[in-house]
Amino acid sequence: SGTPPEGAAFVRWDRAEPVPDELTR
């Protein structure tokens, strides 16, 4: 529904689910 600002990385995460590997790495 929105976009992160330019220059920021983005990881899709439904917080009802376990943390994605992209965040732990």
mmCIF file of all heavy atoms, coordinates in Angstrom:
data_MODEL
# 
_entry.id   MODEL 
# 
loop_
_atom_site.group_PDB 
_atom_site.id 
_atom_site.type_symbol 
_atom_site.label_atom_id 
_atom_site.label_alt_id 
_atom_site.label_comp_id 
_atom_site.label_asym_id 
_atom_site.label_entity_id 
_atom_site.label_seq_id 
_atom_site.pdbx_PDB_ins_code 
_atom_site.Cartn_x 
_atom_site.Cartn_y 
_atom_site.Cartn_z 
_atom_site.occupancy 
_atom_site.B_iso_or_equiv 
_atom_site.pdbx_formal_charge 
_atom_site.auth_seq_id 
_atom_site.auth_comp_id 
_atom_site.auth_asym_id 
_atom_site.auth_atom_id 
_atom_site.pdbx_PDB_model_num 
ATOM 1   N N   . SER A 1 1  ? 0.817  -1.210  0.000  1.00 0.00 ? 1  SER A N   1 
ATOM 2   C CA  . SER A 1 1  ? 0.000  0.000   0.000  1.00 0.00 ? 1  SER A CA  1 
ATOM 3   C C   . SER A 1 1  ? 0.852  1.263   0.000  1.00 0.00 ? 1  SER A C   1 
ATOM 4   O O   . SER A 1 1  ? 0.376  2.336   -0.324 1.00 0.00 ? 1  SER A O   1 
ATOM 5   C CB  . SER A 1 1  ? -0.917 0.014   1.230  1.00 0.00 ? 1  SER A CB  1 
ATOM 6   O OG  . SER A 1 1  ? -0.160 -0.078  2.418  1.00 0.00 ? 1  SER A OG  1 
ATOM 7   N N   . GLY A 1 2  ? 2.103  1.137   0.366  1.00 0.00 ? 2  GLY A N   1 
ATOM 8   C CA  . GLY A 1 2  ? 3.010  2.272   0.349  1.00 0.00 ? 2  GLY A CA  1 
ATOM 9   C C   . GLY A 1 2  ? 4.368  1.828   -0.124 1.00 0.00 ? 2  GLY A C   1 
ATOM 10  O O   . GLY A 1 2  ? 4.594  0.647   -0.405 1.00 0.00 ? 2  GLY A O   1 
ATOM 11  N N   . THR A 1 3  ? 5.281  2.767   -0.234 1.00 0.00 ? 3  THR A N   1 
ATOM 12  C CA  . THR A 1 3  ? 6.631  2.440   -0.688 1.00 0.00 ? 3  THR A CA  1 
ATOM 13  C C   . THR A 1 3  ? 7.632  3.002   0.304  1.00 0.00 ? 3  THR A C   1 
ATOM 14  O O   . THR A 1 3  ? 7.430  4.076   0.880  1.00 0.00 ? 3  THR A O   1 
ATOM 15  C CB  . THR A 1 3  ? 6.911  3.030   -2.078 1.00 0.00 ? 3  THR A CB  1 
ATOM 16  O OG1 . THR A 1 3  ? 6.735  4.458   -2.019 1.00 0.00 ? 3  THR A OG1 1 
ATOM 17  C CG2 . THR A 1 3  ? 5.981  2.442   -3.114 1.00 0.00 ? 3  THR A CG2 1 
ATOM 18  N N   . PRO A 1 4  ? 8.744  2.309   0.520  1.00 0.00 ? 4  PRO A N   1 
ATOM 19  C CA  . PRO A 1 4  ? 9.795  2.859   1.385  1.00 0.00 ? 4  PRO A CA  1 
ATOM 20  C C   . PRO A 1 4  ? 10.487 4.002   0.669  1.00 0.00 ? 4  PRO A C   1 
ATOM 21  O O   . PRO A 1 4  ? 10.409 4.128   -0.563 1.00 0.00 ? 4  PRO A O   1 
ATOM 22  C CB  . PRO A 1 4  ? 10.730 1.667   1.583  1.00 0.00 ? 4  PRO A CB  1 
ATOM 23  C CG  . PRO A 1 4  ? 10.544 0.830   0.360  1.00 0.00 ? 4  PRO A CG  1 
ATOM 24  C CD  . PRO A 1 4  ? 9.100  0.991   -0.023 1.00 0.00 ? 4  PRO A CD  1 
ATOM 25  N N   . PRO A 1 5  ? 11.169 4.858   1.404  1.00 0.00 ? 5  PRO A N   1 
ATOM 26  C CA  . PRO A 1 5  ? 11.869 5.968   0.745  1.00 0.00 ? 5  PRO A CA  1 
ATOM 27  C C   . PRO A 1 5  ? 13.037 5.472   -0.087 1.00 0.00 ? 5  PRO A C   1 
ATOM 28  O O   . PRO A 1 5  ? 13.585 4.394   0.162  1.00 0.00 ? 5  PRO A O   1 
ATOM 29  C CB  . PRO A 1 5  ? 12.334 6.825   1.917  1.00 0.00 ? 5  PRO A CB  1 
ATOM 30  C CG  . PRO A 1 5  ? 12.428 5.877   3.063  1.00 0.00 ? 5  PRO A CG  1 
ATOM 31  C CD  . PRO A 1 5  ? 11.326 4.887   2.859  1.00 0.00 ? 5  PRO A CD  1 
ATOM 32  N N   . GLU A 1 6  ? 13.400 6.261   -1.071 1.00 0.00 ? 6  GLU A N   1 
ATOM 33  C CA  . GLU A 1 6  ? 14.558 5.934   -1.899 1.00 0.00 ? 6  GLU A CA  1 
ATOM 34  C C   . GLU A 1 6  ? 15.789 5.815   -1.024 1.00 0.00 ? 6  GLU A C   1 
ATOM 35  O O   . GLU A 1 6  ? 16.031 6.632   -0.143 1.00 0.00 ? 6  GLU A O   1 
ATOM 36  C CB  . GLU A 1 6  ? 14.757 7.024   -2.956 1.00 0.00 ? 6  GLU A CB  1 
ATOM 37  C CG  . GLU A 1 6  ? 15.881 6.736   -3.931 1.00 0.00 ? 6  GLU A CG  1 
ATOM 38  C CD  . GLU A 1 6  ? 16.011 7.798   -5.004 1.00 0.00 ? 6  GLU A CD  1 
ATOM 39  O OE1 . GLU A 1 6  ? 15.147 8.696   -5.043 1.00 0.00 ? 6  GLU A OE1 1 
ATOM 40  O OE2 . GLU A 1 6  ? 16.980 7.726   -5.788 1.00 0.00 ? 6  GLU A OE2 1 
ATOM 41  N N   . GLY A 1 7  ? 16.549 4.767   -1.244 1.00 0.00 ? 7  GLY A N   1 
ATOM 42  C CA  . GLY A 1 7  ? 17.768 4.552   -0.484 1.00 0.00 ? 7  GLY A CA  1 
ATOM 43  C C   . GLY A 1 7  ? 17.626 3.546   0.632  1.00 0.00 ? 7  GLY A C   1 
ATOM 44  O O   . GLY A 1 7  ? 18.624 3.146   1.231  1.00 0.00 ? 7  GLY A O   1 
ATOM 45  N N   . ALA A 1 8  ? 16.382 3.137   0.939  1.00 0.00 ? 8  ALA A N   1 
ATOM 46  C CA  . ALA A 1 8  ? 16.154 2.141   1.978  1.00 0.00 ? 8  ALA A CA  1 
ATOM 47  C C   . ALA A 1 8  ? 15.882 0.784   1.347  1.00 0.00 ? 8  ALA A C   1 
ATOM 48  O O   . ALA A 1 8  ? 15.219 0.687   0.305  1.00 0.00 ? 8  ALA A O   1 
ATOM 49  C CB  . ALA A 1 8  ? 14.976 2.542   2.856  1.00 0.00 ? 8  ALA A CB  1 
ATOM 50  N N   . ALA A 1 9  ? 16.397 -0.262  1.963  1.00 0.00 ? 9  ALA A N   1 
ATOM 51  C CA  . ALA A 1 9  ? 16.076 -1.619  1.520  1.00 0.00 ? 9  ALA A CA  1 
ATOM 52  C C   . ALA A 1 9  ? 14.665 -1.968  2.001  1.00 0.00 ? 9  ALA A C   1 
ATOM 53  O O   . ALA A 1 9  ? 14.149 -1.390  2.963  1.00 0.00 ? 9  ALA A O   1 
ATOM 54  C CB  . ALA A 1 9  ? 17.089 -2.599  2.082  1.00 0.00 ? 9  ALA A CB  1 
ATOM 55  N N   . PHE A 1 10 ? 14.046 -2.924  1.322  1.00 0.00 ? 10 PHE A N   1 
ATOM 56  C CA  . PHE A 1 10 ? 12.687 -3.324  1.688  1.00 0.00 ? 10 PHE A CA  1 
ATOM 57  C C   . PHE A 1 10 ? 12.599 -4.841  1.749  1.00 0.00 ? 10 PHE A C   1 
ATOM 58  O O   . PHE A 1 10 ? 13.063 -5.536  0.839  1.00 0.00 ? 10 PHE A O   1 
ATOM 59  C CB  . PHE A 1 10 ? 11.668 -2.798  0.683  1.00 0.00 ? 10 PHE A CB  1 
ATOM 60  C CG  . PHE A 1 10 ? 10.257 -3.244  0.974  1.00 0.00 ? 10 PHE A CG  1 
ATOM 61  C CD1 . PHE A 1 10 ? 9.555  -2.725  2.052  1.00 0.00 ? 10 PHE A CD1 1 
ATOM 62  C CD2 . PHE A 1 10 ? 9.643  -4.199  0.172  1.00 0.00 ? 10 PHE A CD2 1 
ATOM 63  C CE1 . PHE A 1 10 ? 8.268  -3.143  2.327  1.00 0.00 ? 10 PHE A CE1 1 
ATOM 64  C CE2 . PHE A 1 10 ? 8.347  -4.618  0.446  1.00 0.00 ? 10 PHE A CE2 1 
ATOM 65  C CZ  . PHE A 1 10 ? 7.660  -4.088  1.523  1.00 0.00 ? 10 PHE A CZ  1 
ATOM 66  N N   . VAL A 1 11 ? 12.023 -5.342  2.845  1.00 0.00 ? 11 VAL A N   1 
ATOM 67  C CA  . VAL A 1 11 ? 11.774 -6.769  3.006  1.00 0.00 ? 11 VAL A CA  1 
ATOM 68  C C   . VAL A 1 11 ? 10.297 -6.941  3.345  1.00 0.00 ? 11 VAL A C   1 
ATOM 69  O O   . VAL A 1 11 ? 9.814  -6.370  4.325  1.00 0.00 ? 11 VAL A O   1 
ATOM 70  C CB  . VAL A 1 11 ? 12.645 -7.380  4.122  1.00 0.00 ? 11 VAL A CB  1 
ATOM 71  C CG1 . VAL A 1 11 ? 12.265 -8.848  4.351  1.00 0.00 ? 11 VAL A CG1 1 
ATOM 72  C CG2 . VAL A 1 11 ? 14.128 -7.259  3.775  1.00 0.00 ? 11 VAL A CG2 1 
ATOM 73  N N   . ARG A 1 12 ? 9.590  -7.718  2.542  1.00 0.00 ? 12 ARG A N   1 
ATOM 74  C CA  . ARG A 1 12 ? 8.179  -7.962  2.821  1.00 0.00 ? 12 ARG A CA  1 
ATOM 75  C C   . ARG A 1 12 ? 8.066  -8.928  4.004  1.00 0.00 ? 12 ARG A C   1 
ATOM 76  O O   . ARG A 1 12 ? 8.695  -9.977  4.039  1.00 0.00 ? 12 ARG A O   1 
ATOM 77  C CB  . ARG A 1 12 ? 7.492  -8.553  1.587  1.00 0.00 ? 12 ARG A CB  1 
ATOM 78  C CG  . ARG A 1 12 ? 5.966  -8.555  1.688  1.00 0.00 ? 12 ARG A CG  1 
ATOM 79  C CD  . ARG A 1 12 ? 5.345  -9.094  0.397  1.00 0.00 ? 12 ARG A CD  1 
ATOM 80  N NE  . ARG A 1 12 ? 5.854  -8.404  -0.777 1.00 0.00 ? 12 ARG A NE  1 
ATOM 81  C CZ  . ARG A 1 12 ? 5.452  -7.192  -1.177 1.00 0.00 ? 12 ARG A CZ  1 
ATOM 82  N NH1 . ARG A 1 12 ? 4.549  -6.547  -0.467 1.00 0.00 ? 12 ARG A NH1 1 
ATOM 83  N NH2 . ARG A 1 12 ? 5.950  -6.645  -2.262 1.00 0.00 ? 12 ARG A NH2 1 
ATOM 84  N N   . TRP A 1 13 ? 7.234  -8.536  4.983  1.00 0.00 ? 13 TRP A N   1 
ATOM 85  C CA  . TRP A 1 13 ? 7.073  -9.360  6.183  1.00 0.00 ? 13 TRP A CA  1 
ATOM 86  C C   . TRP A 1 13 ? 5.686  -9.171  6.761  1.00 0.00 ? 13 TRP A C   1 
ATOM 87  O O   . TRP A 1 13 ? 5.335  -8.077  7.197  1.00 0.00 ? 13 TRP A O   1 
ATOM 88  C CB  . TRP A 1 13 ? 8.138  -9.015  7.231  1.00 0.00 ? 13 TRP A CB  1 
ATOM 89  C CG  . TRP A 1 13 ? 8.072  -9.845  8.487  1.00 0.00 ? 13 TRP A CG  1 
ATOM 90  C CD1 . TRP A 1 13 ? 7.502  -11.072 8.633  1.00 0.00 ? 13 TRP A CD1 1 
ATOM 91  C CD2 . TRP A 1 13 ? 8.626  -9.501  9.765  1.00 0.00 ? 13 TRP A CD2 1 
ATOM 92  N NE1 . TRP A 1 13 ? 7.654  -11.529 9.930  1.00 0.00 ? 13 TRP A NE1 1 
ATOM 93  C CE2 . TRP A 1 13 ? 8.340  -10.586 10.646 1.00 0.00 ? 13 TRP A CE2 1 
ATOM 94  C CE3 . TRP A 1 13 ? 9.317  -8.399  10.255 1.00 0.00 ? 13 TRP A CE3 1 
ATOM 95  C CZ2 . TRP A 1 13 ? 8.727  -10.577 11.984 1.00 0.00 ? 13 TRP A CZ2 1 
ATOM 96  C CZ3 . TRP A 1 13 ? 9.714  -8.393  11.583 1.00 0.00 ? 13 TRP A CZ3 1 
ATOM 97  C CH2 . TRP A 1 13 ? 9.426  -9.479  12.433 1.00 0.00 ? 13 TRP A CH2 1 
ATOM 98  N N   . ASP A 1 14 ? 4.917  -10.243 6.741  1.00 0.00 ? 14 ASP A N   1 
ATOM 99  C CA  . ASP A 1 14 ? 3.671  -10.293 7.500  1.00 0.00 ? 14 ASP A CA  1 
ATOM 100 C C   . ASP A 1 14 ? 4.066  -10.684 8.916  1.00 0.00 ? 14 ASP A C   1 
ATOM 101 O O   . ASP A 1 14 ? 4.542  -11.794 9.157  1.00 0.00 ? 14 ASP A O   1 
ATOM 102 C CB  . ASP A 1 14 ? 2.724  -11.329 6.893  1.00 0.00 ? 14 ASP A CB  1 
ATOM 103 C CG  . ASP A 1 14 ? 1.391  -11.406 7.625  1.00 0.00 ? 14 ASP A CG  1 
ATOM 104 O OD1 . ASP A 1 14 ? 1.328  -10.997 8.808  1.00 0.00 ? 14 ASP A OD1 1 
ATOM 105 O OD2 . ASP A 1 14 ? 0.406  -11.883 7.024  1.00 0.00 ? 14 ASP A OD2 1 
ATOM 106 N N   . ARG A 1 15 ? 3.873  -9.802  9.874  1.00 0.00 ? 15 ARG A N   1 
ATOM 107 C CA  . ARG A 1 15 ? 4.422  -10.020 11.215 1.00 0.00 ? 15 ARG A CA  1 
ATOM 108 C C   . ARG A 1 15 ? 3.671  -11.086 12.006 1.00 0.00 ? 15 ARG A C   1 
ATOM 109 O O   . ARG A 1 15 ? 4.054  -11.395 13.139 1.00 0.00 ? 15 ARG A O   1 
ATOM 110 C CB  . ARG A 1 15 ? 4.471  -8.688  11.968 1.00 0.00 ? 15 ARG A CB  1 
ATOM 111 C CG  . ARG A 1 15 ? 5.496  -7.746  11.339 1.00 0.00 ? 15 ARG A CG  1 
ATOM 112 C CD  . ARG A 1 15 ? 5.531  -6.393  12.008 1.00 0.00 ? 15 ARG A CD  1 
ATOM 113 N NE  . ARG A 1 15 ? 5.969  -6.482  13.394 1.00 0.00 ? 15 ARG A NE  1 
ATOM 114 C CZ  . ARG A 1 15 ? 6.106  -5.427  14.186 1.00 0.00 ? 15 ARG A CZ  1 
ATOM 115 N NH1 . ARG A 1 15 ? 5.823  -4.207  13.723 1.00 0.00 ? 15 ARG A NH1 1 
ATOM 116 N NH2 . ARG A 1 15 ? 6.503  -5.571  15.442 1.00 0.00 ? 15 ARG A NH2 1 
ATOM 117 N N   . ALA A 1 16 ? 2.643  -11.652 11.412 1.00 0.00 ? 16 ALA A N   1 
ATOM 118 C CA  . ALA A 1 16 ? 2.039  -12.839 12.014 1.00 0.00 ? 16 ALA A CA  1 
ATOM 119 C C   . ALA A 1 16 ? 2.853  -14.086 11.694 1.00 0.00 ? 16 ALA A C   1 
ATOM 120 O O   . ALA A 1 16 ? 2.624  -15.157 12.265 1.00 0.00 ? 16 ALA A O   1 
ATOM 121 C CB  . ALA A 1 16 ? 0.604  -13.013 11.505 1.00 0.00 ? 16 ALA A CB  1 
ATOM 122 N N   . GLU A 1 17 ? 3.823  -13.948 10.795 1.00 0.00 ? 17 GLU A N   1 
ATOM 123 C CA  . GLU A 1 17 ? 4.660  -15.064 10.359 1.00 0.00 ? 17 GLU A CA  1 
ATOM 124 C C   . GLU A 1 17 ? 6.062  -14.924 10.949 1.00 0.00 ? 17 GLU A C   1 
ATOM 125 O O   . GLU A 1 17 ? 6.456  -13.857 11.417 1.00 0.00 ? 17 GLU A O   1 
ATOM 126 C CB  . GLU A 1 17 ? 4.738  -15.087 8.825  1.00 0.00 ? 17 GLU A CB  1 
ATOM 127 C CG  . GLU A 1 17 ? 3.388  -15.196 8.134  1.00 0.00 ? 17 GLU A CG  1 
ATOM 128 C CD  . GLU A 1 17 ? 2.680  -16.499 8.450  1.00 0.00 ? 17 GLU A CD  1 
ATOM 129 O OE1 . GLU A 1 17 ? 3.385  -17.510 8.673  1.00 0.00 ? 17 GLU A OE1 1 
ATOM 130 O OE2 . GLU A 1 17 ? 1.433  -16.504 8.485  1.00 0.00 ? 17 GLU A OE2 1 
ATOM 131 N N   . PRO A 1 18 ? 6.859  -16.012 10.932 1.00 0.00 ? 18 PRO A N   1 
ATOM 132 C CA  . PRO A 1 18 ? 8.242  -15.930 11.428 1.00 0.00 ? 18 PRO A CA  1 
ATOM 133 C C   . PRO A 1 18 ? 9.052  -14.885 10.664 1.00 0.00 ? 18 PRO A C   1 
ATOM 134 O O   . PRO A 1 18 ? 8.754  -14.558 9.510  1.00 0.00 ? 18 PRO A O   1 
ATOM 135 C CB  . PRO A 1 18 ? 8.786  -17.340 11.194 1.00 0.00 ? 18 PRO A CB  1 
ATOM 136 C CG  . PRO A 1 18 ? 7.576  -18.218 11.172 1.00 0.00 ? 18 PRO A CG  1 
ATOM 137 C CD  . PRO A 1 18 ? 6.489  -17.389 10.539 1.00 0.00 ? 18 PRO A CD  1 
ATOM 138 N N   . VAL A 1 19 ? 10.080 -14.380 11.308 1.00 0.00 ? 19 VAL A N   1 
ATOM 139 C CA  . VAL A 1 19 ? 10.923 -13.365 10.684 1.00 0.00 ? 19 VAL A CA  1 
ATOM 140 C C   . VAL A 1 19 ? 11.584 -13.930 9.432  1.00 0.00 ? 19 VAL A C   1 
ATOM 141 O O   . VAL A 1 19 ? 12.079 -15.061 9.433  1.00 0.00 ? 19 VAL A O   1 
ATOM 142 C CB  . VAL A 1 19 ? 11.982 -12.858 11.680 1.00 0.00 ? 19 VAL A CB  1 
ATOM 143 C CG1 . VAL A 1 19 ? 12.903 -13.969 12.139 1.00 0.00 ? 19 VAL A CG1 1 
ATOM 144 C CG2 . VAL A 1 19 ? 12.772 -11.707 11.095 1.00 0.00 ? 19 VAL A CG2 1 
ATOM 145 N N   . PRO A 1 20 ? 11.587 -13.198 8.325  1.00 0.00 ? 20 PRO A N   1 
ATOM 146 C CA  . PRO A 1 20 ? 12.212 -13.700 7.094  1.00 0.00 ? 20 PRO A CA  1 
ATOM 147 C C   . PRO A 1 20 ? 13.726 -13.834 7.236  1.00 0.00 ? 20 PRO A C   1 
ATOM 148 O O   . PRO A 1 20 ? 14.368 -13.094 7.992  1.00 0.00 ? 20 PRO A O   1 
ATOM 149 C CB  . PRO A 1 20 ? 11.860 -12.618 6.055  1.00 0.00 ? 20 PRO A CB  1 
ATOM 150 C CG  . PRO A 1 20 ? 10.725 -11.845 6.633  1.00 0.00 ? 20 PRO A CG  1 
ATOM 151 C CD  . PRO A 1 20 ? 10.920 -11.901 8.112  1.00 0.00 ? 20 PRO A CD  1 
ATOM 152 N N   . ASP A 1 21 ? 14.270 -14.771 6.476  1.00 0.00 ? 21 ASP A N   1 
ATOM 153 C CA  . ASP A 1 21 ? 15.712 -14.977 6.510  1.00 0.00 ? 21 ASP A CA  1 
ATOM 154 C C   . ASP A 1 21 ? 16.472 -13.714 6.105  1.00 0.00 ? 21 ASP A C   1 
ATOM 155 O O   . ASP A 1 21 ? 17.578 -13.466 6.598  1.00 0.00 ? 21 ASP A O   1 
ATOM 156 C CB  . ASP A 1 21 ? 16.106 -16.117 5.565  1.00 0.00 ? 21 ASP A CB  1 
ATOM 157 C CG  . ASP A 1 21 ? 15.661 -17.472 6.084  1.00 0.00 ? 21 ASP A CG  1 
ATOM 158 O OD1 . ASP A 1 21 ? 15.355 -17.566 7.295  1.00 0.00 ? 21 ASP A OD1 1 
ATOM 159 O OD2 . ASP A 1 21 ? 15.623 -18.427 5.290  1.00 0.00 ? 21 ASP A OD2 1 
ATOM 160 N N   . GLU A 1 22 ? 15.892 -12.923 5.194  1.00 0.00 ? 22 GLU A N   1 
ATOM 161 C CA  . GLU A 1 22 ? 16.588 -11.715 4.737  1.00 0.00 ? 22 GLU A CA  1 
ATOM 162 C C   . GLU A 1 22 ? 16.894 -10.771 5.893  1.00 0.00 ? 22 GLU A C   1 
ATOM 163 O O   . GLU A 1 22 ? 17.887 -10.041 5.862  1.00 0.00 ? 22 GLU A O   1 
ATOM 164 C CB  . GLU A 1 22 ? 15.750 -10.958 3.701  1.00 0.00 ? 22 GLU A CB  1 
ATOM 165 C CG  . GLU A 1 22 ? 15.448 -11.747 2.440  1.00 0.00 ? 22 GLU A CG  1 
ATOM 166 C CD  . GLU A 1 22 ? 14.077 -12.385 2.501  1.00 0.00 ? 22 GLU A CD  1 
ATOM 167 O OE1 . GLU A 1 22 ? 13.800 -13.118 3.476  1.00 0.00 ? 22 GLU A OE1 1 
ATOM 168 O OE2 . GLU A 1 22 ? 13.284 -12.124 1.579  1.00 0.00 ? 22 GLU A OE2 1 
ATOM 169 N N   . LEU A 1 23 ? 16.054 -10.768 6.917  1.00 0.00 ? 23 LEU A N   1 
ATOM 170 C CA  . LEU A 1 23 ? 16.282 -9.877  8.057  1.00 0.00 ? 23 LEU A CA  1 
ATOM 171 C C   . LEU A 1 23 ? 17.304 -10.449 9.023  1.00 0.00 ? 23 LEU A C   1 
ATOM 172 O O   . LEU A 1 23 ? 18.106 -9.709  9.591  1.00 0.00 ? 23 LEU A O   1 
ATOM 173 C CB  . LEU A 1 23 ? 14.972 -9.604  8.791  1.00 0.00 ? 23 LEU A CB  1 
ATOM 174 C CG  . LEU A 1 23 ? 13.913 -8.820  8.014  1.00 0.00 ? 23 LEU A CG  1 
ATOM 175 C CD1 . LEU A 1 23 ? 12.686 -8.584  8.884  1.00 0.00 ? 23 LEU A CD1 1 
ATOM 176 C CD2 . LEU A 1 23 ? 14.474 -7.485  7.529  1.00 0.00 ? 23 LEU A CD2 1 
ATOM 177 N N   . THR A 1 24 ? 17.286 -11.742 9.234  1.00 0.00 ? 24 THR A N   1 
ATOM 178 C CA  . THR A 1 24 ? 18.247 -12.335 10.164 1.00 0.00 ? 24 THR A CA  1 
ATOM 179 C C   . THR A 1 24 ? 19.649 -12.362 9.572  1.00 0.00 ? 24 THR A C   1 
ATOM 180 O O   . THR A 1 24 ? 20.637 -12.363 10.305 1.00 0.00 ? 24 THR A O   1 
ATOM 181 C CB  . THR A 1 24 ? 17.828 -13.753 10.558 1.00 0.00 ? 24 THR A CB  1 
ATOM 182 O OG1 . THR A 1 24 ? 17.712 -14.562 9.372  1.00 0.00 ? 24 THR A OG1 1 
ATOM 183 C CG2 . THR A 1 24 ? 16.499 -13.734 11.279 1.00 0.00 ? 24 THR A CG2 1 
ATOM 184 N N   . ARG A 1 25 ? 19.747 -12.359 8.237  1.00 0.00 ? 25 ARG A N   1 
ATOM 185 C CA  . ARG A 1 25 ? 21.056 -12.375 7.591  1.00 0.00 ? 25 ARG A CA  1 
ATOM 186 C C   . ARG A 1 25 ? 21.624 -10.985 7.382  1.00 0.00 ? 25 ARG A C   1 
ATOM 187 O O   . ARG A 1 25 ? 22.825 -10.833 7.195  1.00 0.00 ? 25 ARG A O   1 
ATOM 188 C CB  . ARG A 1 25 ? 20.980 -13.067 6.221  1.00 0.00 ? 25 ARG A CB  1 
ATOM 189 C CG  . ARG A 1 25 ? 20.718 -14.562 6.269  1.00 0.00 ? 25 ARG A CG  1 
ATOM 190 C CD  . ARG A 1 25 ? 21.059 -15.187 4.928  1.00 0.00 ? 25 ARG A CD  1 
ATOM 191 N NE  . ARG A 1 25 ? 20.359 -14.519 3.827  1.00 0.00 ? 25 ARG A NE  1 
ATOM 192 C CZ  . ARG A 1 25 ? 19.207 -14.938 3.314  1.00 0.00 ? 25 ARG A CZ  1 
ATOM 193 N NH1 . ARG A 1 25 ? 18.614 -16.008 3.805  1.00 0.00 ? 25 ARG A NH1 1 
ATOM 194 N NH2 . ARG A 1 25 ? 18.654 -14.302 2.294  1.00 0.00 ? 25 ARG A NH2 1 
# 
